[in-house]
Amino acid sequence: MSAHMSVPDIAAATNISERTIYRIIRTWRTTGDHVQIPLQLGRPRILTSFDVAYLEGLVARTPDIYLFELQECLYEATGLDVAKTTIRDALLRMGYVRVHPRKTNGLVSNVKLDNTHLEDWSS
């Protein structure tokens, strides 16, 4: 429509505001699509990339750290009170796994794998 009609004419014909038409045209010119794709799908994460990097640093310094210890350190450093499962899931997304799930009973293992080889990790 924008090739043959002006923005006010498009707005009148479609009952869409001119501002929305301009935004759609700008998005089309910059991305080649009329819809903006979000950087991350789904709900926003509680832990930011800085929080996850902090957890990764703790695991790198102390490979045998427990999830509840990570939880306490995160709370002391950032004031975030998150569940152990949230920390576990963040570490799993980063590729960390427990080597011996039955023997370590909640210990974090400093083994980083690609996402295709993740083991189940219970807290």
N, C-alpha and C. Protein backbone atom coordinates (compact mmCIF):
# COMPACT_ATOMS: atom_id res chain seq x y z
N MET A 1 0.82 -1.20 0.00
CA MET A 1 0.00 0.00 0.00
C MET A 1 0.86 1.26 0.00
N SER A 2 2.01 1.20 0.70
CA SER A 2 2.84 2.39 0.81
C SER A 2 3.45 2.80 -0.53
N ALA A 3 3.53 1.86 -1.48
CA ALA A 3 4.06 2.20 -2.80
C ALA A 3 3.08 3.03 -3.62
N HIS A 4 1.77 2.90 -3.33
CA HIS A 4 0.76 3.56 -4.15
C HIS A 4 -0.07 4.59 -3.38
N MET A 5 0.03 4.59 -2.07
CA MET A 5 -0.82 5.49 -1.28
C MET A 5 0.04 6.25 -0.27
N SER A 6 -0.47 7.39 0.15
CA SER A 6 0.21 8.15 1.21
C SER A 6 -0.17 7.56 2.56
N VAL A 7 0.61 7.91 3.58
CA VAL A 7 0.36 7.38 4.92
C VAL A 7 -1.02 7.80 5.43
N PRO A 8 -1.45 9.06 5.27
CA PRO A 8 -2.81 9.41 5.72
C PRO A 8 -3.91 8.62 5.00
N ASP A 9 -3.70 8.34 3.71
CA ASP A 9 -4.69 7.55 2.97
C ASP A 9 -4.73 6.10 3.47
N ILE A 10 -3.55 5.55 3.77
CA ILE A 10 -3.50 4.19 4.31
C ILE A 10 -4.18 4.14 5.67
N ALA A 11 -3.94 5.16 6.50
CA ALA A 11 -4.55 5.21 7.83
C ALA A 11 -6.07 5.29 7.73
N ALA A 12 -6.56 6.07 6.79
CA ALA A 12 -8.01 6.18 6.61
C ALA A 12 -8.61 4.88 6.08
N ALA A 13 -7.91 4.22 5.17
CA ALA A 13 -8.44 3.00 4.57
C ALA A 13 -8.41 1.81 5.53
N THR A 14 -7.41 1.77 6.42
CA THR A 14 -7.26 0.61 7.29
C THR A 14 -7.73 0.85 8.72
N ASN A 15 -8.04 2.11 9.04
CA ASN A 15 -8.45 2.49 10.40
C ASN A 15 -7.32 2.21 11.41
N ILE A 16 -6.08 2.46 10.96
CA ILE A 16 -4.89 2.33 11.80
C ILE A 16 -4.26 3.70 11.91
N SER A 17 -3.72 4.03 13.06
CA SER A 17 -3.14 5.36 13.24
C SER A 17 -1.94 5.57 12.33
N GLU A 18 -1.69 6.85 11.98
CA GLU A 18 -0.56 7.18 11.12
C GLU A 18 0.76 6.79 11.78
N ARG A 19 0.83 6.99 13.07
CA ARG A 19 2.06 6.64 13.78
C ARG A 19 2.38 5.15 13.63
N THR A 20 1.36 4.31 13.74
CA THR A 20 1.56 2.87 13.58
C THR A 20 2.00 2.53 12.16
N ILE A 21 1.42 3.22 11.19
CA ILE A 21 1.80 2.99 9.79
C ILE A 21 3.27 3.35 9.59
N TYR A 22 3.69 4.52 10.12
CA TYR A 22 5.08 4.92 10.01
C TYR A 22 6.02 3.91 10.67
N ARG A 23 5.61 3.40 11.85
CA ARG A 23 6.44 2.42 12.55
C ARG A 23 6.57 1.13 11.75
N ILE A 24 5.47 0.68 11.15
CA ILE A 24 5.49 -0.54 10.35
C ILE A 24 6.39 -0.36 9.13
N ILE A 25 6.30 0.80 8.49
CA ILE A 25 7.13 1.07 7.31
C ILE A 25 8.61 1.12 7.71
N ARG A 26 8.91 1.78 8.85
CA ARG A 26 10.30 1.85 9.32
C ARG A 26 10.83 0.45 9.64
N THR A 27 10.02 -0.37 10.31
CA THR A 27 10.44 -1.74 10.63
C THR A 27 10.67 -2.54 9.36
N TRP A 28 9.81 -2.36 8.37
CA TRP A 28 9.96 -3.07 7.10
C TRP A 28 11.26 -2.68 6.41
N ARG A 29 11.59 -1.40 6.45
CA ARG A 29 12.81 -0.94 5.78
C ARG A 29 14.07 -1.41 6.49
N THR A 30 14.04 -1.49 7.82
CA THR A 30 15.24 -1.87 8.56
C THR A 30 15.43 -3.38 8.67
N THR A 31 14.33 -4.14 8.81
CA THR A 31 14.45 -5.58 9.04
C THR A 31 13.99 -6.44 7.87
N GLY A 32 13.21 -5.86 6.97
CA GLY A 32 12.66 -6.65 5.87
C GLY A 32 11.40 -7.39 6.25
N ASP A 33 10.89 -7.14 7.44
CA ASP A 33 9.66 -7.78 7.91
C ASP A 33 8.81 -6.72 8.60
N HIS A 34 7.53 -6.96 8.71
CA HIS A 34 6.65 -5.98 9.34
C HIS A 34 6.49 -6.19 10.84
N VAL A 35 7.06 -7.27 11.37
CA VAL A 35 6.95 -7.58 12.79
C VAL A 35 8.34 -7.52 13.42
N GLN A 36 8.43 -6.86 14.58
CA GLN A 36 9.70 -6.84 15.30
C GLN A 36 9.82 -8.13 16.10
N ILE A 37 10.92 -8.83 15.92
CA ILE A 37 11.15 -10.08 16.63
C ILE A 37 11.88 -9.75 17.93
N PRO A 38 11.35 -10.19 19.07
CA PRO A 38 12.02 -9.90 20.34
C PRO A 38 13.36 -10.61 20.45
N LEU A 39 14.26 -10.06 21.26
CA LEU A 39 15.57 -10.67 21.45
C LEU A 39 15.46 -12.01 22.15
N GLN A 40 14.50 -12.13 23.07
CA GLN A 40 14.32 -13.37 23.81
C GLN A 40 12.84 -13.69 23.86
N LEU A 41 12.50 -14.90 23.50
CA LEU A 41 11.10 -15.31 23.54
C LEU A 41 10.72 -15.72 24.95
N GLY A 42 9.46 -15.62 25.27
CA GLY A 42 8.98 -16.03 26.58
C GLY A 42 9.02 -14.93 27.60
N ARG A 43 8.80 -15.30 28.82
CA ARG A 43 8.76 -14.31 29.90
C ARG A 43 10.17 -13.83 30.23
N PRO A 44 10.28 -12.65 30.81
CA PRO A 44 11.61 -12.16 31.19
C PRO A 44 12.21 -13.01 32.30
N ARG A 45 13.50 -13.19 32.28
CA ARG A 45 14.20 -13.98 33.29
C ARG A 45 14.43 -13.13 34.54
N ILE A 46 14.42 -13.78 35.69
CA ILE A 46 14.68 -13.09 36.95
C ILE A 46 16.15 -12.72 37.03
N LEU A 47 17.01 -13.66 36.65
CA LEU A 47 18.45 -13.43 36.71
C LEU A 47 18.92 -12.76 35.43
N THR A 48 19.64 -11.66 35.58
CA THR A 48 20.21 -10.98 34.43
C THR A 48 21.49 -11.68 34.00
N SER A 49 22.05 -11.25 32.89
CA SER A 49 23.30 -11.84 32.43
C SER A 49 24.43 -11.57 33.42
N PHE A 50 24.36 -10.44 34.13
CA PHE A 50 25.37 -10.14 35.14
C PHE A 50 25.26 -11.09 36.33
N ASP A 51 24.01 -11.40 36.73
CA ASP A 51 23.81 -12.35 37.82
C ASP A 51 24.33 -13.73 37.45
N VAL A 52 24.05 -14.15 36.23
CA VAL A 52 24.50 -15.46 35.77
C VAL A 52 26.03 -15.49 35.67
N ALA A 53 26.63 -14.40 35.21
CA ALA A 53 28.10 -14.34 35.15
C ALA A 53 28.70 -14.40 36.55
N TYR A 54 28.03 -13.78 37.51
CA TYR A 54 28.48 -13.86 38.91
C TYR A 54 28.44 -15.30 39.40
N LEU A 55 27.35 -16.00 39.11
CA LEU A 55 27.23 -17.41 39.51
C LEU A 55 28.31 -18.25 38.83
N GLU A 56 28.57 -17.97 37.56
CA GLU A 56 29.59 -18.72 36.84
C GLU A 56 30.97 -18.49 37.47
N GLY A 57 31.22 -17.28 37.91
CA GLY A 57 32.49 -16.98 38.59
C GLY A 57 32.61 -17.73 39.90
N LEU A 58 31.51 -17.82 40.65
CA LEU A 58 31.53 -18.56 41.90
C LEU A 58 31.81 -20.04 41.66
N VAL A 59 31.19 -20.59 40.62
CA VAL A 59 31.40 -22.01 40.32
C VAL A 59 32.82 -22.23 39.84
N ALA A 60 33.37 -21.28 39.09
CA ALA A 60 34.75 -21.43 38.62
C ALA A 60 35.75 -21.40 39.78
N ARG A 61 35.47 -20.54 40.78
CA ARG A 61 36.37 -20.46 41.94
C ARG A 61 36.22 -21.64 42.87
N THR A 62 34.97 -22.10 43.05
CA THR A 62 34.70 -23.18 43.99
C THR A 62 33.84 -24.23 43.29
N PRO A 63 34.46 -25.19 42.61
CA PRO A 63 33.69 -26.17 41.84
C PRO A 63 32.76 -27.04 42.67
N ASP A 64 33.04 -27.22 43.97
CA ASP A 64 32.21 -28.09 44.79
C ASP A 64 31.20 -27.31 45.63
N ILE A 65 30.76 -26.16 45.14
CA ILE A 65 29.82 -25.31 45.86
C ILE A 65 28.41 -25.89 45.75
N TYR A 66 27.63 -25.75 46.81
CA TYR A 66 26.26 -26.23 46.83
C TYR A 66 25.31 -25.15 46.28
N LEU A 67 24.15 -25.60 45.82
CA LEU A 67 23.16 -24.66 45.31
C LEU A 67 22.72 -23.66 46.38
N PHE A 68 22.54 -24.12 47.62
CA PHE A 68 22.09 -23.19 48.66
C PHE A 68 23.18 -22.17 48.96
N GLU A 69 24.45 -22.54 48.78
CA GLU A 69 25.54 -21.57 48.97
C GLU A 69 25.54 -20.54 47.85
N LEU A 70 25.28 -20.99 46.62
CA LEU A 70 25.14 -20.04 45.52
C LEU A 70 23.97 -19.10 45.77
N GLN A 71 22.89 -19.65 46.30
CA GLN A 71 21.70 -18.85 46.62
C GLN A 71 22.05 -17.77 47.65
N GLU A 72 22.78 -18.14 48.69
CA GLU A 72 23.15 -17.18 49.73
C GLU A 72 24.10 -16.12 49.19
N CYS A 73 25.09 -16.53 48.41
CA CYS A 73 26.05 -15.57 47.84
C CYS A 73 25.36 -14.58 46.91
N LEU A 74 24.43 -15.08 46.10
CA LEU A 74 23.70 -14.21 45.20
C LEU A 74 22.86 -13.20 45.96
N TYR A 75 22.24 -13.66 47.05
CA TYR A 75 21.43 -12.76 47.86
C TYR A 75 22.30 -11.68 48.52
N GLU A 76 23.45 -12.09 49.04
CA GLU A 76 24.34 -11.12 49.68
C GLU A 76 24.90 -10.11 48.69
N ALA A 77 25.19 -10.56 47.47
CA ALA A 77 25.82 -9.68 46.49
C ALA A 77 24.81 -8.77 45.79
N THR A 78 23.61 -9.29 45.49
CA THR A 78 22.68 -8.54 44.66
C THR A 78 21.36 -8.23 45.34
N GLY A 79 21.05 -8.93 46.43
CA GLY A 79 19.76 -8.75 47.08
C GLY A 79 18.65 -9.56 46.46
N LEU A 80 18.98 -10.39 45.46
CA LEU A 80 17.97 -11.23 44.82
C LEU A 80 17.76 -12.50 45.63
N ASP A 81 16.53 -12.77 45.99
CA ASP A 81 16.18 -13.99 46.71
C ASP A 81 15.46 -14.91 45.75
N VAL A 82 16.23 -15.78 45.10
CA VAL A 82 15.67 -16.69 44.11
C VAL A 82 15.75 -18.12 44.61
N ALA A 83 14.94 -18.97 44.02
CA ALA A 83 14.91 -20.38 44.40
C ALA A 83 16.16 -21.09 43.88
N LYS A 84 16.50 -22.19 44.53
CA LYS A 84 17.64 -22.99 44.09
C LYS A 84 17.41 -23.54 42.69
N THR A 85 16.15 -23.84 42.36
CA THR A 85 15.86 -24.35 41.03
C THR A 85 16.11 -23.30 39.95
N THR A 86 15.91 -22.03 40.28
CA THR A 86 16.20 -20.95 39.33
C THR A 86 17.69 -20.90 39.05
N ILE A 87 18.50 -21.04 40.08
CA ILE A 87 19.96 -21.06 39.92
C ILE A 87 20.38 -22.29 39.14
N ARG A 88 19.78 -23.44 39.48
CA ARG A 88 20.09 -24.68 38.77
C ARG A 88 19.76 -24.54 37.29
N ASP A 89 18.59 -23.99 36.97
CA ASP A 89 18.19 -23.85 35.57
C ASP A 89 19.11 -22.89 34.82
N ALA A 90 19.54 -21.82 35.48
CA ALA A 90 20.46 -20.87 34.84
C ALA A 90 21.79 -21.56 34.53
N LEU A 91 22.28 -22.36 35.47
CA LEU A 91 23.54 -23.07 35.23
C LEU A 91 23.38 -24.13 34.15
N LEU A 92 22.24 -24.77 34.10
CA LEU A 92 21.99 -25.75 33.04
C LEU A 92 21.99 -25.07 31.68
N ARG A 93 21.36 -23.89 31.58
CA ARG A 93 21.34 -23.16 30.31
C ARG A 93 22.75 -22.78 29.88
N MET A 94 23.64 -22.57 30.85
CA MET A 94 25.03 -22.24 30.55
C MET A 94 25.84 -23.48 30.19
N GLY A 95 25.32 -24.67 30.45
CA GLY A 95 26.00 -25.90 30.08
C GLY A 95 26.66 -26.63 31.23
N TYR A 96 26.43 -26.19 32.47
CA TYR A 96 27.01 -26.88 33.61
C TYR A 96 26.15 -28.07 33.99
N VAL A 97 26.81 -29.15 34.39
CA VAL A 97 26.11 -30.37 34.81
C VAL A 97 26.78 -30.91 36.06
N ARG A 98 26.08 -31.79 36.74
CA ARG A 98 26.68 -32.54 37.85
C ARG A 98 27.22 -33.83 37.28
N VAL A 99 28.41 -34.18 37.67
CA VAL A 99 29.03 -35.38 37.14
C VAL A 99 28.41 -36.63 37.75
N HIS A 100 28.26 -36.65 39.08
CA HIS A 100 27.70 -37.81 39.77
C HIS A 100 26.49 -37.36 40.56
N PRO A 101 25.30 -37.35 39.95
CA PRO A 101 24.11 -36.81 40.63
C PRO A 101 23.77 -37.54 41.92
N ARG A 102 24.02 -38.85 42.00
CA ARG A 102 23.65 -39.59 43.21
C ARG A 102 24.65 -39.35 44.34
N LYS A 103 25.89 -39.13 44.01
CA LYS A 103 26.94 -38.99 45.02
C LYS A 103 27.08 -37.57 45.55
N THR A 104 26.83 -36.56 44.70
CA THR A 104 27.10 -35.18 45.11
C THR A 104 25.95 -34.55 45.87
N ASN A 105 24.72 -35.02 45.68
CA ASN A 105 23.56 -34.57 46.44
C ASN A 105 23.43 -33.04 46.47
N GLY A 106 23.38 -32.41 45.30
CA GLY A 106 23.16 -30.98 45.23
C GLY A 106 24.39 -30.16 44.94
N LEU A 107 25.54 -30.80 44.81
CA LEU A 107 26.76 -30.07 44.49
C LEU A 107 26.75 -29.62 43.04
N VAL A 108 27.32 -28.48 42.79
CA VAL A 108 27.52 -28.02 41.43
C VAL A 108 28.83 -28.61 40.94
N SER A 109 28.88 -29.01 39.70
CA SER A 109 30.13 -29.52 39.15
C SER A 109 30.65 -28.54 38.11
N ASN A 110 31.91 -28.32 38.10
CA ASN A 110 32.52 -27.37 37.18
C ASN A 110 32.81 -28.03 35.84
N VAL A 111 31.88 -28.79 35.32
CA VAL A 111 32.01 -29.42 34.02
C VAL A 111 31.07 -28.68 33.09
N LYS A 112 31.62 -28.06 32.07
CA LYS A 112 30.80 -27.31 31.14
C LYS A 112 30.73 -28.05 29.82
N LEU A 113 29.51 -28.39 29.41
CA LEU A 113 29.28 -29.12 28.18
C LEU A 113 28.43 -28.28 27.25
N ASP A 114 28.31 -28.71 26.00
CA ASP A 114 27.37 -28.03 25.13
C ASP A 114 25.95 -28.46 25.51
N ASN A 115 24.97 -27.73 25.05
CA ASN A 115 23.59 -27.94 25.50
C ASN A 115 23.00 -29.27 25.08
N THR A 116 23.63 -29.99 24.17
CA THR A 116 23.07 -31.26 23.74
C THR A 116 23.39 -32.39 24.71
N HIS A 117 24.33 -32.19 25.64
CA HIS A 117 24.74 -33.26 26.54
C HIS A 117 24.38 -33.00 28.00
N LEU A 118 23.36 -32.19 28.25
CA LEU A 118 23.00 -31.87 29.63
C LEU A 118 22.33 -33.05 30.31
N GLU A 119 22.73 -33.28 31.54
CA GLU A 119 22.11 -34.34 32.33
C GLU A 119 21.03 -33.74 33.21
N ASP A 120 20.16 -34.57 33.70
CA ASP A 120 19.14 -34.09 34.64
C ASP A 120 19.82 -33.72 35.95
N TRP A 121 19.40 -32.62 36.52
CA TRP A 121 20.06 -32.09 37.71
C TRP A 121 19.00 -31.78 38.75
N SER A 122 18.92 -32.54 39.78
CA SER A 122 17.91 -32.32 40.81
C SER A 122 18.50 -31.56 41.97
N SER A 123 17.68 -30.74 42.60
CA SER A 123 18.16 -30.00 43.77
C SER A 123 17.76 -30.79 44.98
